[in-house]
Amino acid sequence: MERPLLLDVADLQTRFHTPEGTVYAVNGISYRLHEGETLAMVGESGCGKSVSMMSILGLIPIPPGEIVSGTARYRDRDLLRMSEEELEQVRGKEIAMIFQDPMTSLNPVLTVGKQITEMLQKHMGMKPAEAADRAVQLLEWVGIPDARRRLADYPHQFSGGMRQRVMIAMQLACTPSILIADEPTTALDVTIQAQIMDLVIRLREEVGMAMIWITHNLGVVAGLAERVMVMYAGFIVEEANVDDLFQDPRHPYTIALLAALPRVDRRRDRRLKSIPGAPPSLLVKPRGCPFAPRCEFVIARCQSEMPPLELIAPRHKIACWVDVLRGGSR
């Protein structure tokens, strides 16, 4: 039985108008998120992952940004049509976002305790003493030792891993329905990355929230997500359950990404494969498949016409014209 639909994004297009020209950052993406589901959004830097999330939360600066088209229905309300005042009631309380670098998200001149209790008082209507007790519980929940004393500390007094834990505590303070994690472990060393991922998985299970995990690393999503969307140059090129994506990738870009992934069962004398060429300039309006210049399966139609994202197997979609990939016999 399918879980209730929580977020329905359709035909989202976001552009930026710069002195160099128009940047086509997000080019008509559509996806759904159900209650309690974990969705991973994968793609290299600059492919539109973060911009798509910031667009639906009203965090794109306008100008130079512009949301050209689309809807983002959250519980039957279109986030893209909300006023700033309405969005302020949604952000943090119902949809929370953890950013890549907590130092750019935490206010350096306010104590950690002040920043957490402000959220609790604004969104949950708590009294100051009640909010302070709740803040201590949250910091203990995410593994901050001596939590009550540390409420009086400023962000710079925490290590990178501890700052990210504080950021997670802040975003979970109001028990949101959706948590968006924008590469929250990228700036941390490998050991701390593993600790933060284990923490987020545990908290997700305890709270029962839905999650969108943004990353450029396919390797981290195998044990985290139920479903994966692969983005390239502002388009979704493949969407599948996580097991299907790893066992039977169909889009040439996904196939190339997985071939470049280090594996413990790879023979020592076999080199990792690289993807030839470079990503296209987003200053050029998309025409045809953006991966065509780098694709080993390219056919003439790829050069002139962008393929739609279509179902080629149960719960598996790709945007590709090549019949052998759509059929899976390769």
Protein backbone atom coordinates (compact mmCIF):
# COMPACT_ATOMS: atom_id res chain seq x y z
CA MET A 1 0.00 0.00 0.00
CA GLU A 2 1.43 3.36 -1.06
CA ARG A 3 1.97 5.91 1.66
CA PRO A 4 0.11 9.26 1.55
CA LEU A 5 1.58 11.86 -0.79
CA LEU A 6 3.38 14.67 1.03
CA LEU A 7 5.11 16.76 -1.67
CA ASP A 8 4.30 16.91 -5.39
CA VAL A 9 6.66 18.99 -7.55
CA ALA A 10 5.73 19.42 -11.22
CA ASP A 11 7.59 21.12 -14.12
CA LEU A 12 9.84 23.24 -11.88
CA GLN A 13 12.01 25.64 -13.93
CA THR A 14 14.44 28.06 -12.29
CA ARG A 15 16.76 30.49 -14.08
CA PHE A 16 19.24 33.16 -13.06
CA HIS A 17 19.74 36.33 -15.11
CA THR A 18 23.39 37.36 -14.87
CA PRO A 19 25.66 39.81 -16.76
CA GLU A 20 27.10 36.79 -18.62
CA GLY A 21 23.63 35.62 -19.70
CA THR A 22 20.75 33.47 -18.46
CA VAL A 23 21.70 30.43 -16.38
CA TYR A 24 19.28 27.55 -17.00
CA ALA A 25 19.68 25.99 -13.56
CA VAL A 26 16.58 23.75 -13.25
CA ASN A 27 14.79 22.65 -16.42
CA GLY A 28 11.30 21.33 -15.76
CA ILE A 29 11.81 18.65 -13.11
CA SER A 30 8.92 16.70 -11.55
CA TYR A 31 8.95 14.29 -8.59
CA ARG A 32 6.91 13.14 -5.59
CA LEU A 33 7.72 12.47 -1.94
CA HIS A 34 5.53 10.31 0.29
CA GLU A 35 5.18 10.35 4.07
CA GLY A 36 8.14 8.71 5.83
CA GLU A 37 10.04 8.17 2.56
CA THR A 38 13.73 8.89 2.04
CA LEU A 39 14.55 10.23 -1.43
CA ALA A 40 18.14 10.80 -2.56
CA MET A 41 18.89 13.45 -5.18
CA VAL A 42 22.24 12.66 -6.84
CA GLY A 43 24.34 14.58 -9.35
CA GLU A 44 27.59 16.47 -9.77
CA SER A 45 28.07 20.01 -8.48
CA GLY A 46 26.07 22.60 -10.42
CA CYS A 47 23.43 20.20 -11.75
CA GLY A 48 20.56 21.98 -9.95
CA LYS A 49 20.05 19.84 -6.83
CA SER A 50 20.29 22.59 -4.24
CA VAL A 51 18.65 25.22 -6.44
CA SER A 52 15.59 23.00 -6.88
CA MET A 53 15.17 22.67 -3.10
CA MET A 54 15.78 26.36 -2.43
CA SER A 55 13.25 27.21 -5.13
CA ILE A 56 10.39 25.38 -3.44
CA LEU A 57 11.25 26.96 -0.07
CA GLY A 58 11.34 30.51 -1.44
CA LEU A 59 15.08 30.90 -0.76
CA ILE A 60 16.07 31.94 -4.31
CA PRO A 61 17.01 35.65 -4.49
CA ILE A 62 14.67 37.34 -6.99
CA PRO A 63 16.31 38.97 -8.93
CA PRO A 64 18.64 37.60 -10.27
CA GLY A 65 16.73 34.33 -9.83
CA GLU A 66 13.39 33.60 -11.45
CA ILE A 67 11.05 30.64 -11.05
CA VAL A 68 9.73 30.44 -14.60
CA SER A 69 7.11 27.73 -14.12
CA GLY A 70 5.99 24.87 -11.98
CA THR A 71 4.07 23.89 -8.87
CA ALA A 72 5.22 22.46 -5.55
CA ARG A 73 2.20 21.18 -3.70
CA TYR A 74 2.78 20.40 -0.02
CA ARG A 75 -0.33 19.01 1.69
CA ASP A 76 -2.49 20.53 -1.09
CA ARG A 77 -0.87 23.98 -0.77
CA ASP A 78 1.37 25.31 -3.54
CA LEU A 79 4.61 26.50 -1.96
CA LEU A 80 5.46 28.51 -5.09
CA ARG A 81 2.31 30.60 -4.71
CA MET A 82 2.73 31.37 -1.00
CA SER A 83 3.62 34.81 0.36
CA GLU A 84 6.84 35.26 2.33
CA GLU A 85 4.82 35.38 5.57
CA GLU A 86 3.15 32.05 4.73
CA LEU A 87 6.49 30.46 3.82
CA GLU A 88 7.99 31.57 7.13
CA GLN A 89 5.36 29.46 8.87
CA VAL A 90 6.31 26.43 6.76
CA ARG A 91 10.12 26.75 6.83
CA GLY A 92 11.58 25.17 9.95
CA LYS A 93 8.23 24.07 11.35
CA GLU A 94 6.97 21.77 8.56
CA ILE A 95 9.89 21.62 6.10
CA ALA A 96 13.41 22.00 7.48
CA MET A 97 16.72 22.18 5.61
CA ILE A 98 20.23 21.30 6.80
CA PHE A 99 22.85 23.11 4.73
CA GLN A 100 26.31 21.94 3.67
CA ASP A 101 28.25 24.38 5.86
CA PRO A 102 26.68 25.08 9.27
CA MET A 103 28.89 28.17 9.75
CA THR A 104 26.97 29.92 6.96
CA SER A 105 23.63 28.93 8.51
CA LEU A 106 24.28 29.53 12.21
CA ASN A 107 24.39 33.14 13.37
CA PRO A 108 27.94 33.76 14.64
CA VAL A 109 26.90 36.52 17.10
CA LEU A 110 24.11 34.57 18.84
CA THR A 111 24.59 31.67 21.23
CA VAL A 112 23.48 28.24 20.12
CA GLY A 113 20.87 28.23 22.88
CA LYS A 114 19.41 31.52 21.68
CA GLN A 115 19.10 30.26 18.11
CA ILE A 116 17.34 27.03 19.09
CA THR A 117 14.98 28.61 21.65
CA GLU A 118 13.99 31.35 19.18
CA MET A 119 12.68 28.66 16.81
CA LEU A 120 10.79 26.90 19.59
CA GLN A 121 9.20 30.11 20.83
CA LYS A 122 8.24 31.28 17.34
CA HIS A 123 6.88 28.05 15.89
CA MET A 124 5.83 26.06 18.98
CA GLY A 125 4.71 28.92 21.27
CA MET A 126 6.92 27.82 24.15
CA LYS A 127 7.81 29.99 27.14
CA PRO A 128 11.55 30.81 27.51
CA ALA A 129 12.21 28.31 30.31
CA GLU A 130 10.30 25.55 28.51
CA ALA A 131 12.18 26.29 25.27
CA ALA A 132 15.53 26.13 27.10
CA ASP A 133 14.70 22.71 28.57
CA ARG A 134 13.65 21.48 25.14
CA ALA A 135 16.88 22.84 23.61
CA VAL A 136 18.90 20.84 26.15
CA GLN A 137 16.95 17.69 25.22
CA LEU A 138 17.62 18.31 21.52
CA LEU A 139 21.36 18.79 21.99
CA GLU A 140 21.55 15.63 24.10
CA TRP A 141 19.51 13.82 21.44
CA VAL A 142 22.11 14.61 18.75
CA GLY A 143 25.05 13.67 20.99
CA ILE A 144 26.30 17.02 22.34
CA PRO A 145 27.87 16.38 25.79
CA ASP A 146 27.23 18.74 28.72
CA ALA A 147 24.31 20.18 26.73
CA ARG A 148 22.93 22.69 29.26
CA ARG A 149 26.29 24.42 29.68
CA ARG A 150 26.87 24.50 25.93
CA LEU A 151 23.67 26.45 25.32
CA ALA A 152 25.69 29.54 26.23
CA ASP A 153 28.42 28.82 23.66
CA TYR A 154 28.73 30.45 20.24
CA PRO A 155 29.03 28.49 16.96
CA HIS A 156 32.80 29.09 16.66
CA GLN A 157 33.30 27.27 19.98
CA PHE A 158 32.12 24.00 18.43
CA SER A 159 34.05 21.69 16.08
CA GLY A 160 32.79 21.16 12.52
CA GLY A 161 31.06 17.90 13.38
CA MET A 162 29.50 19.37 16.52
CA ARG A 163 28.24 22.42 14.58
CA GLN A 164 26.52 20.09 12.14
CA ARG A 165 24.92 18.26 15.08
CA VAL A 166 23.70 21.61 16.43
CA MET A 167 22.26 22.42 13.00
CA ILE A 168 20.44 19.08 12.93
CA ALA A 169 19.06 19.71 16.43
CA MET A 170 17.75 23.12 15.30
CA GLN A 171 16.06 21.73 12.21
CA LEU A 172 14.44 18.87 14.15
CA ALA A 173 13.28 21.15 16.98
CA CYS A 174 9.75 21.48 15.58
CA THR A 175 9.56 17.84 14.35
CA PRO A 176 9.07 18.77 10.66
CA SER A 177 7.28 16.50 8.19
CA ILE A 178 10.12 16.86 5.66
CA LEU A 179 13.85 17.21 6.32
CA ILE A 180 16.02 18.33 3.39
CA ALA A 181 19.71 17.54 3.92
CA ASP A 182 21.91 19.41 1.44
CA GLU A 183 25.23 17.51 1.42
CA PRO A 184 25.49 17.90 5.22
CA THR A 185 28.64 15.77 5.54
CA THR A 186 30.74 17.13 2.64
CA ALA A 187 32.90 19.47 4.74
CA LEU A 188 33.59 16.82 7.41
CA ASP A 189 36.23 14.09 7.64
CA VAL A 190 35.23 10.52 6.85
CA THR A 191 34.80 9.37 10.46
CA ILE A 192 32.55 12.31 11.34
CA GLN A 193 30.62 11.82 8.07
CA ALA A 194 29.74 8.28 9.14
CA GLN A 195 28.67 9.48 12.60
CA ILE A 196 26.41 12.21 11.16
CA MET A 197 24.82 9.79 8.68
CA ASP A 198 24.16 7.24 11.44
CA LEU A 199 22.67 10.03 13.56
CA VAL A 200 20.35 11.25 10.80
CA ILE A 201 19.17 7.69 10.02
CA ARG A 202 18.43 7.06 13.70
CA LEU A 203 16.58 10.36 14.15
CA ARG A 204 14.58 9.80 10.95
CA GLU A 205 13.40 6.45 12.26
CA GLU A 206 12.50 7.90 15.67
CA VAL A 207 10.63 10.92 14.30
CA GLY A 208 9.12 9.20 11.23
CA MET A 209 9.70 12.18 8.93
CA ALA A 210 10.25 12.12 5.18
CA MET A 211 13.72 13.09 3.96
CA ILE A 212 15.36 14.41 0.80
CA TRP A 213 19.13 13.77 0.89
CA ILE A 214 21.12 15.82 -1.65
CA THR A 215 24.54 14.49 -2.58
CA HIS A 216 27.05 14.20 -5.42
CA ASN A 217 28.22 10.84 -4.09
CA LEU A 218 26.25 7.76 -5.14
CA GLY A 219 28.17 5.71 -2.61
CA VAL A 220 26.47 7.28 0.40
CA VAL A 221 22.88 6.63 -0.68
CA ALA A 222 22.91 2.81 -0.81
CA GLY A 223 22.17 2.37 2.89
CA LEU A 224 20.22 5.59 3.31
CA ALA A 225 17.58 6.08 0.61
CA GLU A 226 14.58 4.12 -0.65
CA ARG A 227 14.42 5.93 -3.98
CA VAL A 228 17.03 7.82 -6.02
CA MET A 229 16.77 10.63 -8.58
CA VAL A 230 19.82 11.29 -10.75
CA MET A 231 20.18 14.86 -12.04
CA TYR A 232 22.31 16.19 -14.88
CA ALA A 233 22.46 19.79 -16.16
CA GLY A 234 19.17 20.75 -14.51
CA PHE A 235 17.23 17.66 -15.66
CA ILE A 236 16.21 14.45 -13.90
CA VAL A 237 17.66 11.72 -16.13
CA GLU A 238 16.83 8.64 -14.04
CA GLU A 239 14.59 7.77 -11.10
CA ALA A 240 14.35 4.35 -9.46
CA ASN A 241 14.24 2.41 -6.21
CA VAL A 242 17.74 2.33 -4.74
CA ASP A 243 18.23 -1.42 -5.31
CA ASP A 244 17.10 -1.20 -8.94
CA LEU A 245 19.37 1.77 -9.60
CA PHE A 246 22.49 -0.03 -8.36
CA GLN A 247 21.64 -3.42 -9.87
CA ASP A 248 20.21 -2.27 -13.20
CA PRO A 249 21.09 1.36 -14.06
CA ARG A 250 19.63 2.36 -17.42
CA HIS A 251 20.63 5.96 -18.20
CA PRO A 252 24.13 6.34 -19.69
CA TYR A 253 25.05 8.97 -17.09
CA THR A 254 24.06 6.71 -14.17
CA ILE A 255 25.91 3.79 -15.76
CA ALA A 256 29.03 5.97 -16.07
CA LEU A 257 28.74 7.24 -12.49
CA LEU A 258 28.51 3.73 -11.08
CA ALA A 259 31.43 2.57 -13.23
CA ALA A 260 33.52 5.34 -11.68
CA LEU A 261 32.60 4.30 -8.13
CA PRO A 262 35.35 2.49 -6.14
CA ARG A 263 34.29 -1.10 -5.29
CA VAL A 264 35.80 -3.60 -2.88
CA ASP A 265 35.18 -6.42 -5.39
CA ARG A 266 36.97 -4.66 -8.26
CA ARG A 267 40.14 -6.32 -9.49
CA ARG A 268 43.26 -4.45 -8.46
CA ASP A 269 44.57 -4.29 -12.01
CA ARG A 270 41.38 -2.65 -13.33
CA ARG A 271 41.39 1.15 -13.38
CA LEU A 272 38.36 3.20 -12.40
CA LYS A 273 36.51 4.52 -15.43
CA SER A 274 36.19 8.25 -15.96
CA ILE A 275 33.47 10.12 -17.85
CA PRO A 276 35.00 11.85 -20.91
CA GLY A 277 34.38 15.53 -21.59
CA ALA A 278 32.85 18.10 -19.26
CA PRO A 279 29.32 19.11 -18.16
CA PRO A 280 27.58 21.54 -20.54
CA SER A 281 27.47 25.26 -19.90
CA LEU A 282 24.21 26.20 -18.20
CA LEU A 283 24.38 29.55 -20.02
CA VAL A 284 23.27 27.75 -23.19
CA LYS A 285 19.56 26.97 -23.52
CA PRO A 286 19.17 23.19 -23.51
CA ARG A 287 18.65 21.60 -26.94
CA GLY A 288 18.60 17.84 -27.13
CA CYS A 289 19.94 15.60 -24.39
CA PRO A 290 22.56 17.48 -22.33
CA PHE A 291 24.59 14.28 -21.82
CA ALA A 292 24.79 13.51 -25.56
CA PRO A 293 28.34 14.94 -26.12
CA ARG A 294 29.72 12.59 -23.43
CA CYS A 295 27.54 9.53 -24.12
CA GLU A 296 28.85 6.28 -25.63
CA PHE A 297 25.31 5.28 -26.70
CA VAL A 298 24.43 8.54 -28.49
CA ILE A 299 22.18 8.47 -31.58
CA ALA A 300 21.17 11.28 -33.96
CA ARG A 301 17.91 12.05 -32.15
CA CYS A 302 19.79 12.79 -28.90
CA GLN A 303 21.42 15.86 -30.49
CA SER A 304 18.17 17.65 -31.31
CA GLU A 305 15.44 16.48 -28.93
CA MET A 306 15.39 16.16 -25.14
CA PRO A 307 13.82 12.80 -24.17
CA PRO A 308 11.03 12.93 -21.57
CA LEU A 309 11.37 11.11 -18.25
CA GLU A 310 9.33 7.96 -18.90
CA LEU A 311 8.50 4.72 -17.09
CA ILE A 312 10.48 1.81 -18.57
CA ALA A 313 9.88 -0.67 -15.72
CA PRO A 314 7.81 -0.66 -12.51
CA ARG A 315 8.96 2.39 -10.46
CA HIS A 316 11.89 2.97 -12.84
CA LYS A 317 12.08 6.00 -15.16
CA ILE A 318 14.76 7.27 -17.52
CA ALA A 319 15.09 10.15 -19.98
CA CYS A 320 16.76 8.44 -22.94
CA TRP A 321 16.00 7.68 -26.61
CA VAL A 322 18.21 4.58 -26.86
CA ASP A 323 16.01 1.48 -27.20
CA VAL A 324 18.61 -0.97 -25.88
CA LEU A 325 18.78 0.99 -22.58
CA ARG A 326 15.01 1.37 -22.32
CA GLY A 327 14.63 -2.37 -22.76
CA GLY A 328 17.48 -3.26 -20.43
CA SER A 329 19.11 -5.81 -22.77
CA ARG A 330 22.67 -4.61 -23.08
